[in-house]
Amino acid sequence: RSALHAASLLENDPELDGRYRFQTSEF
């Protein structure tokens, strides 16, 4: 949950222009 929450913050950060996308099929 903690890893996903931090990943969501990066994915949705407006200053990062949507460039951070994480896969969930492998971790």
PDB file of all heavy atoms in Angstrom:
ATOM      1  N   ARG A   1       0.834  -1.205   0.000  1.00  0.00           N
ATOM      2  CA  ARG A   1       0.000   0.000   0.000  1.00  0.00           C
ATOM      3  C   ARG A   1       0.871   1.259   0.000  1.00  0.00           C
ATOM      4  O   ARG A   1       0.589   2.218  -0.731  1.00  0.00           O
ATOM      5  CB  ARG A   1      -0.929   0.004   1.208  1.00  0.00           C
ATOM      6  CG  ARG A   1      -1.848   1.227   1.251  1.00  0.00           C
ATOM      7  CD  ARG A   1      -2.850   1.157   2.389  1.00  0.00           C
ATOM      8  NE  ARG A   1      -2.203   1.197   3.692  1.00  0.00           N
ATOM      9  CZ  ARG A   1      -2.199   0.200   4.560  1.00  0.00           C
ATOM     10  NH1 ARG A   1      -2.812  -0.938   4.267  1.00  0.00           N
ATOM     11  NH2 ARG A   1      -1.588   0.310   5.717  1.00  0.00           N
ATOM     12  N   SER A   2       1.930   1.272   0.788  1.00  0.00           N
ATOM     13  CA  SER A   2       2.804   2.441   0.869  1.00  0.00           C
ATOM     14  C   SER A   2       3.521   2.690  -0.447  1.00  0.00           C
ATOM     15  O   SER A   2       3.642   3.836  -0.895  1.00  0.00           O
ATOM     16  CB  SER A   2       3.828   2.256   1.997  1.00  0.00           C
ATOM     17  OG  SER A   2       3.190   2.155   3.255  1.00  0.00           O
ATOM     18  N   ALA A   3       4.001   1.624  -1.085  1.00  0.00           N
ATOM     19  CA  ALA A   3       4.669   1.767  -2.378  1.00  0.00           C
ATOM     20  C   ALA A   3       3.702   2.275  -3.439  1.00  0.00           C
ATOM     21  O   ALA A   3       4.037   3.166  -4.240  1.00  0.00           O
ATOM     22  CB  ALA A   3       5.275   0.430  -2.810  1.00  0.00           C
ATOM     23  N   LEU A   4       2.497   1.737  -3.452  1.00  0.00           N
ATOM     24  CA  LEU A   4       1.496   2.163  -4.435  1.00  0.00           C
ATOM     25  C   LEU A   4       1.078   3.615  -4.210  1.00  0.00           C
ATOM     26  O   LEU A   4       0.874   4.371  -5.170  1.00  0.00           O
ATOM     27  CB  LEU A   4       0.271   1.254  -4.361  1.00  0.00           C
ATOM     28  CG  LEU A   4       0.450  -0.157  -4.941  1.00  0.00           C
ATOM     29  CD1 LEU A   4      -0.707  -1.055  -4.499  1.00  0.00           C
ATOM     30  CD2 LEU A   4       0.546  -0.128  -6.469  1.00  0.00           C
ATOM     31  N   HIS A   5       0.944   4.011  -2.954  1.00  0.00           N
ATOM     32  CA  HIS A   5       0.558   5.398  -2.660  1.00  0.00           C
ATOM     33  C   HIS A   5       1.619   6.369  -3.174  1.00  0.00           C
ATOM     34  O   HIS A   5       1.292   7.393  -3.807  1.00  0.00           O
ATOM     35  CB  HIS A   5       0.363   5.572  -1.158  1.00  0.00           C
ATOM     36  CG  HIS A   5       0.074   6.983  -0.744  1.00  0.00           C
ATOM     37  ND1 HIS A   5      -1.040   7.667  -1.145  1.00  0.00           N
ATOM     38  CD2 HIS A   5       0.775   7.848   0.039  1.00  0.00           C
ATOM     39  CE1 HIS A   5      -1.034   8.884  -0.639  1.00  0.00           C
ATOM     40  NE2 HIS A   5       0.069   9.023   0.078  1.00  0.00           N
ATOM     41  N   ALA A   6       2.896   6.068  -2.928  1.00  0.00           N
ATOM     42  CA  ALA A   6       3.971   6.938  -3.405  1.00  0.00           C
ATOM     43  C   ALA A   6       4.033   6.942  -4.935  1.00  0.00           C
ATOM     44  O   ALA A   6       4.253   7.988  -5.554  1.00  0.00           O
ATOM     45  CB  ALA A   6       5.309   6.474  -2.820  1.00  0.00           C
ATOM     46  N   ALA A   7       3.824   5.776  -5.545  1.00  0.00           N
ATOM     47  CA  ALA A   7       3.820   5.698  -7.010  1.00  0.00           C
ATOM     48  C   ALA A   7       2.675   6.523  -7.589  1.00  0.00           C
ATOM     49  O   ALA A   7       2.828   7.193  -8.622  1.00  0.00           O
ATOM     50  CB  ALA A   7       3.700   4.246  -7.457  1.00  0.00           C
ATOM     51  N   SER A   8       1.527   6.501  -6.926  1.00  0.00           N
ATOM     52  CA  SER A   8       0.386   7.289  -7.383  1.00  0.00           C
ATOM     53  C   SER A   8       0.686   8.785  -7.312  1.00  0.00           C
ATOM     54  O   SER A   8       0.302   9.551  -8.210  1.00  0.00           O
ATOM     55  CB  SER A   8      -0.854   6.958  -6.530  1.00  0.00           C
ATOM     56  OG  SER A   8      -1.956   7.751  -6.894  1.00  0.00           O
ATOM     57  N   LEU A   9       1.383   9.208  -6.258  1.00  0.00           N
ATOM     58  CA  LEU A   9       1.767  10.614  -6.154  1.00  0.00           C
ATOM     59  C   LEU A   9       2.645  11.027  -7.329  1.00  0.00           C
ATOM     60  O   LEU A   9       2.475  12.119  -7.890  1.00  0.00           O
ATOM     61  CB  LEU A   9       2.500  10.866  -4.839  1.00  0.00           C
ATOM     62  CG  LEU A   9       1.666  10.801  -3.560  1.00  0.00           C
ATOM     63  CD1 LEU A   9       2.572  10.970  -2.331  1.00  0.00           C
ATOM     64  CD2 LEU A   9       0.582  11.868  -3.556  1.00  0.00           C
ATOM     65  N   LEU A  10       3.583  10.174  -7.719  1.00  0.00           N
ATOM     66  CA  LEU A  10       4.451  10.497  -8.854  1.00  0.00           C
ATOM     67  C   LEU A  10       3.669  10.500 -10.163  1.00  0.00           C
ATOM     68  O   LEU A  10       3.853  11.389 -11.003  1.00  0.00           O
ATOM     69  CB  LEU A  10       5.609   9.505  -8.927  1.00  0.00           C
ATOM     70  CG  LEU A  10       6.685   9.618  -7.848  1.00  0.00           C
ATOM     71  CD1 LEU A  10       7.761   8.556  -8.058  1.00  0.00           C
ATOM     72  CD2 LEU A  10       7.314  11.004  -7.842  1.00  0.00           C
ATOM     73  N   GLU A  11       2.812   9.502 -10.344  1.00  0.00           N
ATOM     74  CA  GLU A  11       2.047   9.438 -11.594  1.00  0.00           C
ATOM     75  C   GLU A  11       1.129  10.649 -11.768  1.00  0.00           C
ATOM     76  O   GLU A  11       0.897  11.101 -12.900  1.00  0.00           O
ATOM     77  CB  GLU A  11       1.210   8.155 -11.631  1.00  0.00           C
ATOM     78  CG  GLU A  11       2.010   6.895 -11.865  1.00  0.00           C
ATOM     79  CD  GLU A  11       1.149   5.708 -12.259  1.00  0.00           C
ATOM     80  OE1 GLU A  11      -0.089   5.781 -12.081  1.00  0.00           O
ATOM     81  OE2 GLU A  11       1.705   4.711 -12.748  1.00  0.00           O
ATOM     82  N   ASN A  12       0.620  11.159 -10.676  1.00  0.00           N
ATOM     83  CA  ASN A  12      -0.365  12.241 -10.747  1.00  0.00           C
ATOM     84  C   ASN A  12       0.221  13.622 -10.458  1.00  0.00           C
ATOM     85  O   ASN A  12      -0.526  14.594 -10.359  1.00  0.00           O
ATOM     86  CB  ASN A  12      -1.510  11.954  -9.770  1.00  0.00           C
ATOM     87  CG  ASN A  12      -2.324  10.731 -10.170  1.00  0.00           C
ATOM     88  OD1 ASN A  12      -3.022  10.747 -11.171  1.00  0.00           O
ATOM     89  ND2 ASN A  12      -2.216   9.657  -9.397  1.00  0.00           N
ATOM     90  N   ASP A  13       1.551  13.708 -10.347  1.00  0.00           N
ATOM     91  CA  ASP A  13       2.184  14.992 -10.071  1.00  0.00           C
ATOM     92  C   ASP A  13       2.142  15.865 -11.327  1.00  0.00           C
ATOM     93  O   ASP A  13       2.709  15.495 -12.362  1.00  0.00           O
ATOM     94  CB  ASP A  13       3.638  14.781  -9.644  1.00  0.00           C
ATOM     95  CG  ASP A  13       4.279  16.047  -9.099  1.00  0.00           C
ATOM     96  OD1 ASP A  13       4.214  17.090  -9.779  1.00  0.00           O
ATOM     97  OD2 ASP A  13       4.842  15.986  -8.001  1.00  0.00           O
ATOM     98  N   PRO A  14       1.487  17.033 -11.285  1.00  0.00           N
ATOM     99  CA  PRO A  14       1.342  17.861 -12.488  1.00  0.00           C
ATOM    100  C   PRO A  14       2.674  18.379 -13.037  1.00  0.00           C
ATOM    101  O   PRO A  14       2.788  18.639 -14.240  1.00  0.00           O
ATOM    102  CB  PRO A  14       0.455  19.023 -12.024  1.00  0.00           C
ATOM    103  CG  PRO A  14       0.588  19.045 -10.537  1.00  0.00           C
ATOM    104  CD  PRO A  14       0.808  17.625 -10.121  1.00  0.00           C
ATOM    105  N   GLU A  15       3.676  18.502 -12.178  1.00  0.00           N
ATOM    106  CA  GLU A  15       4.963  19.013 -12.629  1.00  0.00           C
ATOM    107  C   GLU A  15       5.800  17.956 -13.348  1.00  0.00           C
ATOM    108  O   GLU A  15       6.842  18.282 -13.925  1.00  0.00           O
ATOM    109  CB  GLU A  15       5.735  19.611 -11.452  1.00  0.00           C
ATOM    110  CG  GLU A  15       5.056  20.832 -10.847  1.00  0.00           C
ATOM    111  CD  GLU A  15       5.927  21.544  -9.833  1.00  0.00           C
ATOM    112  OE1 GLU A  15       7.141  21.287  -9.822  1.00  0.00           O
ATOM    113  OE2 GLU A  15       5.387  22.354  -9.060  1.00  0.00           O
ATOM    114  N   LEU A  16       5.376  16.711 -13.293  1.00  0.00           N
ATOM    115  CA  LEU A  16       6.119  15.635 -13.962  1.00  0.00           C
ATOM    116  C   LEU A  16       5.497  15.256 -15.303  1.00  0.00           C
ATOM    117  O   LEU A  16       5.977  14.331 -15.968  1.00  0.00           O
ATOM    118  CB  LEU A  16       6.208  14.407 -13.044  1.00  0.00           C
ATOM    119  CG  LEU A  16       7.006  14.622 -11.750  1.00  0.00           C
ATOM    120  CD1 LEU A  16       6.961  13.379 -10.874  1.00  0.00           C
ATOM    121  CD2 LEU A  16       8.458  15.005 -12.051  1.00  0.00           C
ATOM    122  N   ASP A  17       4.433  15.959 -15.686  1.00  0.00           N
ATOM    123  CA  ASP A  17       3.849  15.831 -17.033  1.00  0.00           C
ATOM    124  C   ASP A  17       3.429  14.410 -17.399  1.00  0.00           C
ATOM    125  O   ASP A  17       3.465  14.030 -18.575  1.00  0.00           O
ATOM    126  CB  ASP A  17       4.825  16.357 -18.094  1.00  0.00           C
ATOM    127  CG  ASP A  17       5.210  17.813 -17.853  1.00  0.00           C
ATOM    128  OD1 ASP A  17       4.317  18.595 -17.484  1.00  0.00           O
ATOM    129  OD2 ASP A  17       6.396  18.157 -18.017  1.00  0.00           O
ATOM    130  N   GLY A  18       3.072  13.613 -16.422  1.00  0.00           N
ATOM    131  CA  GLY A  18       2.596  12.262 -16.719  1.00  0.00           C
ATOM    132  C   GLY A  18       3.658  11.304 -17.219  1.00  0.00           C
ATOM    133  O   GLY A  18       3.325  10.248 -17.779  1.00  0.00           O
ATOM    134  N   ARG A  19       4.935  11.645 -17.022  1.00  0.00           N
ATOM    135  CA  ARG A  19       6.012  10.792 -17.560  1.00  0.00           C
ATOM    136  C   ARG A  19       6.310   9.574 -16.691  1.00  0.00           C
ATOM    137  O   ARG A  19       6.956   8.631 -17.151  1.00  0.00           O
ATOM    138  CB  ARG A  19       7.290  11.619 -17.730  1.00  0.00           C
ATOM    139  CG  ARG A  19       7.211  12.628 -18.865  1.00  0.00           C
ATOM    140  CD  ARG A  19       8.492  13.426 -19.021  1.00  0.00           C
ATOM    141  NE  ARG A  19       8.690  14.355 -17.912  1.00  0.00           N
ATOM    142  CZ  ARG A  19       9.562  14.193 -16.945  1.00  0.00           C
ATOM    143  NH1 ARG A  19      10.350  13.122 -16.932  1.00  0.00           N
ATOM    144  NH2 ARG A  19       9.692  15.079 -15.962  1.00  0.00           N
ATOM    145  N   TYR A  20       5.848   9.600 -15.454  1.00  0.00           N
ATOM    146  CA  TYR A  20       6.118   8.477 -14.553  1.00  0.00           C
ATOM    147  C   TYR A  20       4.919   7.531 -14.550  1.00  0.00           C
ATOM    148  O   TYR A  20       3.834   7.889 -14.090  1.00  0.00           O
ATOM    149  CB  TYR A  20       6.404   8.984 -13.134  1.00  0.00           C
ATOM    150  CG  TYR A  20       7.780   9.592 -13.003  1.00  0.00           C
ATOM    151  CD1 TYR A  20       8.057  10.840 -13.569  1.00  0.00           C
ATOM    152  CD2 TYR A  20       8.809   8.920 -12.357  1.00  0.00           C
ATOM    153  CE1 TYR A  20       9.321  11.398 -13.478  1.00  0.00           C
ATOM    154  CE2 TYR A  20      10.083   9.478 -12.258  1.00  0.00           C
ATOM    155  CZ  TYR A  20      10.326  10.720 -12.816  1.00  0.00           C
ATOM    156  OH  TYR A  20      11.583  11.273 -12.727  1.00  0.00           O
ATOM    157  N   ARG A  21       5.143   6.338 -15.088  1.00  0.00           N
ATOM    158  CA  ARG A  21       4.113   5.301 -15.126  1.00  0.00           C
ATOM    159  C   ARG A  21       4.726   3.996 -14.629  1.00  0.00           C
ATOM    160  O   ARG A  21       5.818   3.617 -15.060  1.00  0.00           O
ATOM    161  CB  ARG A  21       3.567   5.126 -16.545  1.00  0.00           C
ATOM    162  CG  ARG A  21       2.675   6.289 -16.992  1.00  0.00           C
ATOM    163  CD  ARG A  21       1.365   6.281 -16.232  1.00  0.00           C
ATOM    164  NE  ARG A  21       0.465   7.385 -16.581  1.00  0.00           N
ATOM    165  CZ  ARG A  21       0.378   8.516 -15.906  1.00  0.00           C
ATOM    166  NH1 ARG A  21       1.150   8.721 -14.844  1.00  0.00           N
ATOM    167  NH2 ARG A  21      -0.467   9.457 -16.269  1.00  0.00           N
ATOM    168  N   PHE A  22       4.019   3.336 -13.724  1.00  0.00           N
ATOM    169  CA  PHE A  22       4.549   2.129 -13.096  1.00  0.00           C
ATOM    170  C   PHE A  22       3.759   0.903 -13.525  1.00  0.00           C
ATOM    171  O   PHE A  22       2.533   0.948 -13.658  1.00  0.00           O
ATOM    172  CB  PHE A  22       4.499   2.266 -11.567  1.00  0.00           C
ATOM    173  CG  PHE A  22       5.406   3.325 -11.032  1.00  0.00           C
ATOM    174  CD1 PHE A  22       4.973   4.645 -10.927  1.00  0.00           C
ATOM    175  CD2 PHE A  22       6.692   3.021 -10.637  1.00  0.00           C
ATOM    176  CE1 PHE A  22       5.802   5.632 -10.432  1.00  0.00           C
ATOM    177  CE2 PHE A  22       7.535   3.999 -10.142  1.00  0.00           C
ATOM    178  CZ  PHE A  22       7.089   5.305 -10.046  1.00  0.00           C
ATOM    179  N   GLN A  23       4.477  -0.195 -13.721  1.00  0.00           N
ATOM    180  CA  GLN A  23       3.815  -1.462 -14.023  1.00  0.00           C
ATOM    181  C   GLN A  23       3.486  -2.174 -12.720  1.00  0.00           C
ATOM    182  O   GLN A  23       4.201  -2.040 -11.724  1.00  0.00           O
ATOM    183  CB  GLN A  23       4.699  -2.341 -14.894  1.00  0.00           C
ATOM    184  CG  GLN A  23       6.059  -2.689 -14.298  1.00  0.00           C
ATOM    185  CD  GLN A  23       6.831  -3.657 -15.175  1.00  0.00           C
ATOM    186  OE1 GLN A  23       6.341  -4.742 -15.496  1.00  0.00           O
ATOM    187  NE2 GLN A  23       8.023  -3.262 -15.589  1.00  0.00           N
ATOM    188  N   THR A  24       2.395  -2.908 -12.729  1.00  0.00           N
ATOM    189  CA  THR A  24       2.010  -3.680 -11.552  1.00  0.00           C
ATOM    190  C   THR A  24       2.056  -5.181 -11.812  1.00  0.00           C
ATOM    191  O   THR A  24       1.861  -5.971 -10.891  1.00  0.00           O
ATOM    192  CB  THR A  24       0.593  -3.290 -11.083  1.00  0.00           C
ATOM    193  OG1 THR A  24      -0.344  -3.542 -12.140  1.00  0.00           O
ATOM    194  CG2 THR A  24       0.537  -1.815 -10.689  1.00  0.00           C
ATOM    195  N   SER A  25       2.320  -5.569 -13.048  1.00  0.00           N
ATOM    196  CA  SER A  25       2.360  -6.993 -13.386  1.00  0.00           C
ATOM    197  C   SER A  25       3.655  -7.657 -12.919  1.00  0.00           C
ATOM    198  O   SER A  25       3.762  -8.886 -12.916  1.00  0.00           O
ATOM    199  CB  SER A  25       2.217  -7.185 -14.900  1.00  0.00           C
ATOM    200  OG  SER A  25       3.243  -6.489 -15.590  1.00  0.00           O
ATOM    201  N   GLU A  26       4.630  -6.849 -12.503  1.00  0.00           N
ATOM    202  CA  GLU A  26       5.881  -7.380 -11.970  1.00  0.00           C
ATOM    203  C   GLU A  26       6.412  -6.429 -10.912  1.00  0.00           C
ATOM    204  O   GLU A  26       6.499  -5.223 -11.140  1.00  0.00           O
ATOM    205  CB  GLU A  26       6.929  -7.551 -13.078  1.00  0.00           C
ATOM    206  CG  GLU A  26       8.264  -8.094 -12.577  1.00  0.00           C
ATOM    207  CD  GLU A  26       9.321  -8.191 -13.667  1.00  0.00           C
ATOM    208  OE1 GLU A  26       8.971  -7.923 -14.834  1.00  0.00           O
ATOM    209  OE2 GLU A  26      10.472  -8.517 -13.350  1.00  0.00           O
ATOM    210  N   PHE A  27       6.735  -6.959  -9.743  1.00  0.00           N
ATOM    211  CA  PHE A  27       7.337  -6.120  -8.702  1.00  0.00           C
ATOM    212  C   PHE A  27       8.210  -6.991  -7.801  1.00  0.00           C
ATOM    213  O   PHE A  27       8.141  -8.219  -7.825  1.00  0.00           O
ATOM    214  CB  PHE A  27       6.270  -5.382  -7.889  1.00  0.00           C
ATOM    215  CG  PHE A  27       5.281  -6.264  -7.170  1.00  0.00           C
ATOM    216  CD1 PHE A  27       5.513  -6.690  -5.872  1.00  0.00           C
ATOM    217  CD2 PHE A  27       4.099  -6.660  -7.796  1.00  0.00           C
ATOM    218  CE1 PHE A  27       4.603  -7.490  -5.210  1.00  0.00           C
ATOM    219  CE2 PHE A  27       3.175  -7.454  -7.141  1.00  0.00           C
ATOM    220  CZ  PHE A  27       3.425  -7.878  -5.850  1.00  0.00           C
TER     221      PHE A  27
END
